[in-house]
């Protein structure tokens, strides 16, 4: 018998997000209509607490720890702003690397600087919404790694400044590395 490692609650939650992304491309009109309603409610949950319950429908069965619920609610809303159905995890992009591919390095650079400088209690959610919306304008869509984003937010909003600093530095490195790689390949 195969000894399978149980799936983490966080991964199960993100898997549910991607299931919505696949449903948004369903040929079945009933599945598609339901997915569109769910997506709209998740988007509204970013700014209207009345719609947070719609995210809890998938969050609670995954049994994510209660102290990570805020980050999951935010990630679900961000996913709704820019959903995708990429099934291959290796093809998903980390946030700031994807921002480097939006077609406007200066706009992306400004977003990355805002993200790095924002605190979880002062503007981070706003800047994340702007960054994810900017990704939606990219000439070539880059599927976002929402599981990595969830862990980044958990580490940023925790009480360990070393982990938060590591996340901010990785965001800066991801962005600069991708800009450098893009510029080198275009030359």
C-alpha atoms as a PDB file:
ATOM      1  CA  UNK A   1       0.000   0.000   0.000  1.00  0.00           C
ATOM      2  CA  UNK A   2       1.254   3.472  -0.883  1.00  0.00           C
ATOM      3  CA  UNK A   3       2.236   5.736   2.005  1.00  0.00           C
ATOM      4  CA  UNK A   4       0.861   9.127   0.925  1.00  0.00           C
ATOM      5  CA  UNK A   5       1.677  12.263   2.826  1.00  0.00           C
ATOM      6  CA  UNK A   6      -1.558  14.040   3.751  1.00  0.00           C
ATOM      7  CA  UNK A   7      -2.231  17.260   1.876  1.00  0.00           C
ATOM      8  CA  UNK A   8      -1.711  20.422   3.897  1.00  0.00           C
ATOM      9  CA  UNK A   9      -4.846  22.472   4.638  1.00  0.00           C
ATOM     10  CA  UNK A  10      -3.279  25.429   2.833  1.00  0.00           C
ATOM     11  CA  UNK A  11      -2.658  23.415  -0.318  1.00  0.00           C
ATOM     12  CA  UNK A  12      -6.196  22.014  -0.176  1.00  0.00           C
ATOM     13  CA  UNK A  13      -7.538  25.570   0.052  1.00  0.00           C
ATOM     14  CA  UNK A  14      -5.493  26.730  -2.943  1.00  0.00           C
ATOM     15  CA  UNK A  15      -6.578  23.633  -4.875  1.00  0.00           C
ATOM     16  CA  UNK A  16     -10.173  24.820  -4.366  1.00  0.00           C
ATOM     17  CA  UNK A  17      -9.236  28.220  -5.805  1.00  0.00           C
ATOM     18  CA  UNK A  18      -7.856  26.607  -8.950  1.00  0.00           C
ATOM     19  CA  UNK A  19     -11.014  24.475  -9.179  1.00  0.00           C
ATOM     20  CA  UNK A  20     -12.957  27.722  -9.520  1.00  0.00           C
ATOM     21  CA  UNK A  21     -10.518  28.784 -12.260  1.00  0.00           C
ATOM     22  CA  UNK A  22     -11.240  25.565 -14.155  1.00  0.00           C
ATOM     23  CA  UNK A  23     -14.993  26.007 -13.654  1.00  0.00           C
ATOM     24  CA  UNK A  24     -14.734  29.477 -15.214  1.00  0.00           C
ATOM     25  CA  UNK A  25     -13.668  27.715 -18.429  1.00  0.00           C
ATOM     26  CA  UNK A  26     -16.318  25.007 -18.283  1.00  0.00           C
ATOM     27  CA  UNK A  27     -18.371  24.283 -21.398  1.00  0.00           C
ATOM     28  CA  UNK A  28     -21.324  23.495 -19.096  1.00  0.00           C
ATOM     29  CA  UNK A  29     -23.302  26.738 -18.854  1.00  0.00           C
ATOM     30  CA  UNK A  30     -24.666  25.904 -15.379  1.00  0.00           C
ATOM     31  CA  UNK A  31     -21.195  25.239 -13.970  1.00  0.00           C
ATOM     32  CA  UNK A  32     -19.930  28.397 -15.667  1.00  0.00           C
ATOM     33  CA  UNK A  33     -22.780  30.552 -14.293  1.00  0.00           C
ATOM     34  CA  UNK A  34     -22.238  29.223 -10.756  1.00  0.00           C
ATOM     35  CA  UNK A  35     -18.488  29.859 -11.027  1.00  0.00           C
ATOM     36  CA  UNK A  36     -19.063  33.423 -12.235  1.00  0.00           C
ATOM     37  CA  UNK A  37     -21.361  34.125  -9.278  1.00  0.00           C
ATOM     38  CA  UNK A  38     -18.827  32.672  -6.886  1.00  0.00           C
ATOM     39  CA  UNK A  39     -16.013  34.703  -8.455  1.00  0.00           C
ATOM     40  CA  UNK A  40     -18.036  37.921  -8.172  1.00  0.00           C
ATOM     41  CA  UNK A  41     -18.745  37.251  -4.496  1.00  0.00           C
ATOM     42  CA  UNK A  42     -15.091  36.508  -3.772  1.00  0.00           C
ATOM     43  CA  UNK A  43     -14.111  39.764  -5.485  1.00  0.00           C
ATOM     44  CA  UNK A  44     -16.645  41.654  -3.378  1.00  0.00           C
ATOM     45  CA  UNK A  45     -15.273  40.011  -0.239  1.00  0.00           C
ATOM     46  CA  UNK A  46     -12.138  42.146  -0.657  1.00  0.00           C
ATOM     47  CA  UNK A  47     -14.077  45.306   0.132  1.00  0.00           C
ATOM     48  CA  UNK A  48     -17.408  44.181   1.592  1.00  0.00           C
ATOM     49  CA  UNK A  49     -17.508  41.966   4.689  1.00  0.00           C
ATOM     50  CA  UNK A  50     -20.995  40.721   3.760  1.00  0.00           C
ATOM     51  CA  UNK A  51     -19.420  38.451   1.135  1.00  0.00           C
ATOM     52  CA  UNK A  52     -16.715  36.897   3.324  1.00  0.00           C
ATOM     53  CA  UNK A  53     -19.042  33.990   4.114  1.00  0.00           C
ATOM     54  CA  UNK A  54     -18.820  32.872   0.499  1.00  0.00           C
ATOM     55  CA  UNK A  55     -15.083  32.270   0.899  1.00  0.00           C
ATOM     56  CA  UNK A  56     -15.636  30.418   4.173  1.00  0.00           C
ATOM     57  CA  UNK A  57     -17.647  27.842   2.178  1.00  0.00           C
ATOM     58  CA  UNK A  58     -14.364  26.498   0.813  1.00  0.00           C
ATOM     59  CA  UNK A  59     -12.087  27.626   3.631  1.00  0.00           C
ATOM     60  CA  UNK A  60     -13.688  25.794   6.548  1.00  0.00           C
ATOM     61  CA  UNK A  61     -13.733  22.290   4.984  1.00  0.00           C
ATOM     62  CA  UNK A  62      -9.983  22.627   4.328  1.00  0.00           C
ATOM     63  CA  UNK A  63      -9.364  23.124   8.074  1.00  0.00           C
ATOM     64  CA  UNK A  64      -6.838  25.920   7.649  1.00  0.00           C
ATOM     65  CA  UNK A  65      -5.644  27.148  11.071  1.00  0.00           C
ATOM     66  CA  UNK A  66      -7.786  29.989  12.366  1.00  0.00           C
ATOM     67  CA  UNK A  67      -4.813  32.363  12.602  1.00  0.00           C
ATOM     68  CA  UNK A  68      -4.269  31.984   8.819  1.00  0.00           C
ATOM     69  CA  UNK A  69      -7.880  32.686   7.826  1.00  0.00           C
ATOM     70  CA  UNK A  70      -7.318  36.393   7.098  1.00  0.00           C
ATOM     71  CA  UNK A  71      -4.565  35.568   4.624  1.00  0.00           C
ATOM     72  CA  UNK A  72      -6.743  32.919   2.960  1.00  0.00           C
ATOM     73  CA  UNK A  73      -9.637  35.357   2.635  1.00  0.00           C
ATOM     74  CA  UNK A  74      -7.321  37.873   0.984  1.00  0.00           C
ATOM     75  CA  UNK A  75      -5.838  35.298  -1.392  1.00  0.00           C
ATOM     76  CA  UNK A  76      -9.309  34.116  -2.444  1.00  0.00           C
ATOM     77  CA  UNK A  77     -10.290  37.697  -3.260  1.00  0.00           C
ATOM     78  CA  UNK A  78      -7.058  38.233  -5.193  1.00  0.00           C
ATOM     79  CA  UNK A  79      -7.624  34.993  -7.073  1.00  0.00           C
ATOM     80  CA  UNK A  80     -11.067  36.242  -8.059  1.00  0.00           C
ATOM     81  CA  UNK A  81      -9.471  39.386  -9.513  1.00  0.00           C
ATOM     82  CA  UNK A  82      -7.160  37.335 -11.729  1.00  0.00           C
ATOM     83  CA  UNK A  83      -8.244  33.678 -11.802  1.00  0.00           C
ATOM     84  CA  UNK A  84      -6.490  31.018 -13.786  1.00  0.00           C
ATOM     85  CA  UNK A  85      -6.834  27.332 -14.368  1.00  0.00           C
ATOM     86  CA  UNK A  86      -3.188  26.325 -14.700  1.00  0.00           C
ATOM     87  CA  UNK A  87      -2.921  22.760 -13.469  1.00  0.00           C
ATOM     88  CA  UNK A  88       0.867  22.429 -13.711  1.00  0.00           C
ATOM     89  CA  UNK A  89       2.373  24.019 -10.618  1.00  0.00           C
ATOM     90  CA  UNK A  90       5.738  24.370 -12.380  1.00  0.00           C
ATOM     91  CA  UNK A  91       4.195  26.822 -14.854  1.00  0.00           C
ATOM     92  CA  UNK A  92       2.900  29.158 -12.157  1.00  0.00           C
ATOM     93  CA  UNK A  93       4.792  32.378 -11.475  1.00  0.00           C
ATOM     94  CA  UNK A  94       5.645  34.009  -8.186  1.00  0.00           C
ATOM     95  CA  UNK A  95       4.024  37.413  -7.777  1.00  0.00           C
ATOM     96  CA  UNK A  96       6.923  39.785  -8.414  1.00  0.00           C
ATOM     97  CA  UNK A  97       8.442  37.706 -11.217  1.00  0.00           C
ATOM     98  CA  UNK A  98       5.061  37.817 -12.958  1.00  0.00           C
ATOM     99  CA  UNK A  99       4.875  41.580 -12.422  1.00  0.00           C
ATOM    100  CA  UNK A 100       8.126  41.977 -14.356  1.00  0.00           C
ATOM    101  CA  UNK A 101       6.344  40.494 -17.387  1.00  0.00           C
ATOM    102  CA  UNK A 102       3.412  42.925 -17.489  1.00  0.00           C
ATOM    103  CA  UNK A 103       4.858  44.960 -20.340  1.00  0.00           C
ATOM    104  CA  UNK A 104       5.501  48.069 -18.263  1.00  0.00           C
ATOM    105  CA  UNK A 105       8.638  47.701 -16.167  1.00  0.00           C
ATOM    106  CA  UNK A 106       8.210  51.159 -14.626  1.00  0.00           C
ATOM    107  CA  UNK A 107       4.621  50.484 -13.480  1.00  0.00           C
ATOM    108  CA  UNK A 108       5.602  47.048 -12.220  1.00  0.00           C
ATOM    109  CA  UNK A 109       8.651  48.469 -10.440  1.00  0.00           C
ATOM    110  CA  UNK A 110       6.412  50.973  -8.646  1.00  0.00           C
ATOM    111  CA  UNK A 111       4.052  48.166  -7.579  1.00  0.00           C
ATOM    112  CA  UNK A 112       6.908  46.015  -6.292  1.00  0.00           C
ATOM    113  CA  UNK A 113       8.348  48.920  -4.288  1.00  0.00           C
ATOM    114  CA  UNK A 114       4.908  49.591  -2.798  1.00  0.00           C
ATOM    115  CA  UNK A 115       4.477  45.928  -1.879  1.00  0.00           C
ATOM    116  CA  UNK A 116       7.903  45.719  -0.265  1.00  0.00           C
ATOM    117  CA  UNK A 117       7.396  48.937   1.686  1.00  0.00           C
ATOM    118  CA  UNK A 118       3.850  48.269   2.850  1.00  0.00           C
ATOM    119  CA  UNK A 119       3.076  46.782   6.209  1.00  0.00           C
ATOM    120  CA  UNK A 120       0.340  44.188   6.687  1.00  0.00           C
ATOM    121  CA  UNK A 121      -1.681  46.748   8.631  1.00  0.00           C
ATOM    122  CA  UNK A 122      -0.978  49.716   6.390  1.00  0.00           C
ATOM    123  CA  UNK A 123      -1.743  49.352   2.710  1.00  0.00           C
ATOM    124  CA  UNK A 124      -0.523  45.851   1.814  1.00  0.00           C
ATOM    125  CA  UNK A 125      -3.978  44.614   0.784  1.00  0.00           C
ATOM    126  CA  UNK A 126      -4.514  47.687  -1.403  1.00  0.00           C
ATOM    127  CA  UNK A 127      -1.156  47.286  -3.134  1.00  0.00           C
ATOM    128  CA  UNK A 128      -1.729  43.568  -3.635  1.00  0.00           C
ATOM    129  CA  UNK A 129      -5.059  44.287  -5.341  1.00  0.00           C
ATOM    130  CA  UNK A 130      -3.339  46.799  -7.621  1.00  0.00           C
ATOM    131  CA  UNK A 131      -0.527  44.356  -8.412  1.00  0.00           C
ATOM    132  CA  UNK A 132      -2.909  41.513  -9.251  1.00  0.00           C
ATOM    133  CA  UNK A 133      -4.989  43.830 -11.443  1.00  0.00           C
ATOM    134  CA  UNK A 134      -1.801  44.886 -13.252  1.00  0.00           C
ATOM    135  CA  UNK A 135      -1.066  41.214 -13.926  1.00  0.00           C
ATOM    136  CA  UNK A 136      -4.433  40.999 -15.668  1.00  0.00           C
ATOM    137  CA  UNK A 137      -3.251  43.575 -18.213  1.00  0.00           C
ATOM    138  CA  UNK A 138      -0.100  41.662 -19.187  1.00  0.00           C
ATOM    139  CA  UNK A 139       0.256  40.993 -22.923  1.00  0.00           C
ATOM    140  CA  UNK A 140       0.999  37.341 -22.123  1.00  0.00           C
ATOM    141  CA  UNK A 141      -0.916  35.986 -19.132  1.00  0.00           C
ATOM    142  CA  UNK A 142       1.286  34.605 -16.377  1.00  0.00           C
ATOM    143  CA  UNK A 143      -0.522  32.167 -14.076  1.00  0.00           C
ATOM    144  CA  UNK A 144       0.157  33.186 -10.500  1.00  0.00           C
ATOM    145  CA  UNK A 145       1.318  30.788  -7.806  1.00  0.00           C
ATOM    146  CA  UNK A 146      -1.374  31.507  -5.238  1.00  0.00           C
ATOM    147  CA  UNK A 147      -0.044  28.923  -2.813  1.00  0.00           C
ATOM    148  CA  UNK A 148       3.307  30.731  -2.657  1.00  0.00           C
ATOM    149  CA  UNK A 149       1.468  34.038  -2.293  1.00  0.00           C
ATOM    150  CA  UNK A 150      -0.518  32.605   0.616  1.00  0.00           C
ATOM    151  CA  UNK A 151       2.664  31.525   2.401  1.00  0.00           C
ATOM    152  CA  UNK A 152       4.256  34.894   1.683  1.00  0.00           C
ATOM    153  CA  UNK A 153       1.319  36.641   3.352  1.00  0.00           C
ATOM    154  CA  UNK A 154       1.387  34.276   6.319  1.00  0.00           C
ATOM    155  CA  UNK A 155       5.095  35.010   6.789  1.00  0.00           C
ATOM    156  CA  UNK A 156       4.637  38.757   6.315  1.00  0.00           C
ATOM    157  CA  UNK A 157       1.790  38.965   8.782  1.00  0.00           C
ATOM    158  CA  UNK A 158       3.364  36.725  11.402  1.00  0.00           C
ATOM    159  CA  UNK A 159       5.419  37.915  14.318  1.00  0.00           C
ATOM    160  CA  UNK A 160       8.790  36.823  12.917  1.00  0.00           C
ATOM    161  CA  UNK A 161      10.509  39.811  11.312  1.00  0.00           C
ATOM    162  CA  UNK A 162      13.224  37.560   9.857  1.00  0.00           C
ATOM    163  CA  UNK A 163      10.620  35.635   7.819  1.00  0.00           C
ATOM    164  CA  UNK A 164       8.956  38.881   6.728  1.00  0.00           C
ATOM    165  CA  UNK A 165      12.302  40.320   5.621  1.00  0.00           C
ATOM    166  CA  UNK A 166      13.018  37.118   3.686  1.00  0.00           C
ATOM    167  CA  UNK A 167       9.719  37.472   1.809  1.00  0.00           C
ATOM    168  CA  UNK A 168      10.363  41.129   0.943  1.00  0.00           C
ATOM    169  CA  UNK A 169      13.885  40.354  -0.281  1.00  0.00           C
ATOM    170  CA  UNK A 170      12.665  37.426  -2.372  1.00  0.00           C
ATOM    171  CA  UNK A 171      10.029  39.681  -3.951  1.00  0.00           C
ATOM    172  CA  UNK A 172      12.730  42.196  -4.865  1.00  0.00           C
ATOM    173  CA  UNK A 173      15.025  39.463  -6.157  1.00  0.00           C
ATOM    174  CA  UNK A 174      12.272  37.745  -8.171  1.00  0.00           C
ATOM    175  CA  UNK A 175      11.389  41.037  -9.854  1.00  0.00           C
ATOM    176  CA  UNK A 176      14.961  42.116 -10.624  1.00  0.00           C
ATOM    177  CA  UNK A 177      15.947  38.636 -11.774  1.00  0.00           C
ATOM    178  CA  UNK A 178      13.018  38.476 -14.189  1.00  0.00           C
ATOM    179  CA  UNK A 179      13.672  41.994 -15.501  1.00  0.00           C
ATOM    180  CA  UNK A 180      17.329  41.087 -16.036  1.00  0.00           C
ATOM    181  CA  UNK A 181      16.437  37.789 -17.717  1.00  0.00           C
ATOM    182  CA  UNK A 182      13.898  39.493 -20.017  1.00  0.00           C
ATOM    183  CA  UNK A 183      16.336  42.250 -20.987  1.00  0.00           C
ATOM    184  CA  UNK A 184      19.162  39.777 -21.614  1.00  0.00           C
ATOM    185  CA  UNK A 185      16.999  37.521 -23.777  1.00  0.00           C
ATOM    186  CA  UNK A 186      15.681  40.475 -25.831  1.00  0.00           C
ATOM    187  CA  UNK A 187      19.214  41.650 -26.573  1.00  0.00           C
END
